């Protein structure tokens, strides 16, 4: 089941995320992806196989103003704008499909 939620910063436009439920939900996991990206699909698959709850947005399917806001969110956390980008607990930024780094950040 996919649940949708929105992100709104101050009075700016609202971004719609998809929530994938999982039994591992002690960390806040956000994935910025592209719908056509093979590496992004691998991150989604890895998180689902490991029953990690996460939220994602496919940036290429977003409105133009949302795309710029996503880029800024990534830059503000010290990342380069490339996909997939995973943010864990609003602190740890992982660029690319890095199972080792995701496992380490999620403590499994």
Protein backbone atom coordinates (compact mmCIF):
# COMPACT_ATOMS: atom_id res chain seq x y z
CA UNK A 1 0.00 0.00 0.00
CA UNK A 2 1.26 3.46 -0.90
CA UNK A 3 0.23 6.43 1.21
CA UNK A 4 0.70 9.97 -0.01
CA UNK A 5 1.79 12.87 2.17
CA UNK A 6 2.85 16.39 1.46
CA UNK A 7 5.84 18.50 2.41
CA UNK A 8 5.38 22.19 2.83
CA UNK A 9 8.16 24.57 3.82
CA UNK A 10 6.70 27.76 5.26
CA UNK A 11 4.08 29.06 2.82
CA UNK A 12 5.74 27.61 -0.27
CA UNK A 13 4.25 25.10 -2.63
CA UNK A 14 3.44 21.61 -1.45
CA UNK A 15 5.40 18.55 -2.60
CA UNK A 16 3.64 15.21 -2.65
CA UNK A 17 5.61 12.19 -1.42
CA UNK A 18 4.70 8.53 -1.53
CA UNK A 19 5.08 6.57 1.70
CA UNK A 20 6.04 2.90 1.56
CA UNK A 21 5.22 1.25 4.89
CA UNK A 22 7.66 -1.12 6.56
CA UNK A 23 8.29 -2.75 9.92
CA UNK A 24 11.67 -1.01 10.17
CA UNK A 25 10.41 2.47 10.89
CA UNK A 26 12.69 3.78 13.62
CA UNK A 27 14.47 6.07 11.14
CA UNK A 28 13.04 8.75 8.86
CA UNK A 29 14.12 7.77 5.33
CA UNK A 30 13.47 10.06 2.36
CA UNK A 31 14.44 9.07 -1.17
CA UNK A 32 14.72 11.53 -4.03
CA UNK A 33 14.65 9.51 -7.25
CA UNK A 34 13.96 9.55 -10.97
CA UNK A 35 11.20 7.29 -12.28
CA UNK A 36 13.39 5.96 -15.11
CA UNK A 37 16.61 5.51 -13.10
CA UNK A 38 17.81 1.94 -12.64
CA UNK A 39 19.87 2.80 -9.54
CA UNK A 40 16.84 4.53 -8.01
CA UNK A 41 14.76 1.40 -8.60
CA UNK A 42 17.47 -0.67 -6.89
CA UNK A 43 17.37 1.57 -3.79
CA UNK A 44 13.56 1.25 -3.66
CA UNK A 45 13.82 -2.52 -4.07
CA UNK A 46 16.52 -2.79 -1.38
CA UNK A 47 14.47 -0.77 1.10
CA UNK A 48 11.32 -2.79 0.38
CA UNK A 49 13.13 -6.15 0.63
CA UNK A 50 14.50 -5.08 4.01
CA UNK A 51 11.07 -3.84 5.11
CA UNK A 52 12.27 -0.28 5.67
CA UNK A 53 9.56 2.36 5.80
CA UNK A 54 10.45 5.25 3.52
CA UNK A 55 9.05 8.22 1.66
CA UNK A 56 9.99 9.01 -1.90
CA UNK A 57 9.35 11.44 -4.69
CA UNK A 58 10.26 10.94 -8.34
CA UNK A 59 11.68 14.34 -9.19
CA UNK A 60 11.21 13.96 -12.95
CA UNK A 61 7.44 13.65 -12.38
CA UNK A 62 7.35 16.75 -10.16
CA UNK A 63 6.46 20.31 -11.03
CA UNK A 64 9.34 22.60 -12.01
CA UNK A 65 9.19 24.61 -8.77
CA UNK A 66 9.31 21.34 -6.77
CA UNK A 67 12.38 20.23 -8.72
CA UNK A 68 14.25 23.35 -7.69
CA UNK A 69 13.16 22.97 -4.06
CA UNK A 70 14.39 19.35 -4.06
CA UNK A 71 17.72 20.42 -5.54
CA UNK A 72 18.02 23.03 -2.78
CA UNK A 73 17.18 20.48 -0.05
CA UNK A 74 19.98 18.25 -1.35
CA UNK A 75 22.47 21.14 -1.66
CA UNK A 76 21.61 22.41 1.84
CA UNK A 77 22.72 19.03 3.22
CA UNK A 78 26.02 19.15 1.35
CA UNK A 79 25.08 16.81 -1.48
CA UNK A 80 25.50 17.04 -5.19
CA UNK A 81 22.34 16.97 -7.24
CA UNK A 82 22.31 13.44 -8.58
CA UNK A 83 19.98 10.53 -8.09
CA UNK A 84 19.16 8.51 -6.17
CA UNK A 85 19.70 10.64 -3.08
CA UNK A 86 18.68 9.15 0.25
CA UNK A 87 18.39 11.28 3.38
CA UNK A 88 18.21 9.46 6.71
CA UNK A 89 17.00 11.18 9.86
CA UNK A 90 17.48 14.52 8.12
CA UNK A 91 21.24 14.19 8.82
CA UNK A 92 22.83 11.51 6.66
CA UNK A 93 22.88 12.03 2.89
CA UNK A 94 23.74 9.11 0.61
CA UNK A 95 24.14 9.62 -3.12
CA UNK A 96 23.79 6.59 -5.38
CA UNK A 97 22.91 3.00 -4.60
CA UNK A 98 25.18 2.35 -1.61
CA UNK A 99 23.83 -0.67 0.26
CA UNK A 100 26.74 -0.54 2.70
CA UNK A 101 26.09 3.08 3.65
CA UNK A 102 22.33 2.57 3.89
CA UNK A 103 22.78 -0.48 6.13
CA UNK A 104 25.21 1.42 8.33
CA UNK A 105 22.94 4.45 8.66
CA UNK A 106 19.93 2.22 9.49
CA UNK A 107 21.91 0.08 11.93
CA UNK A 108 21.41 -3.31 10.26
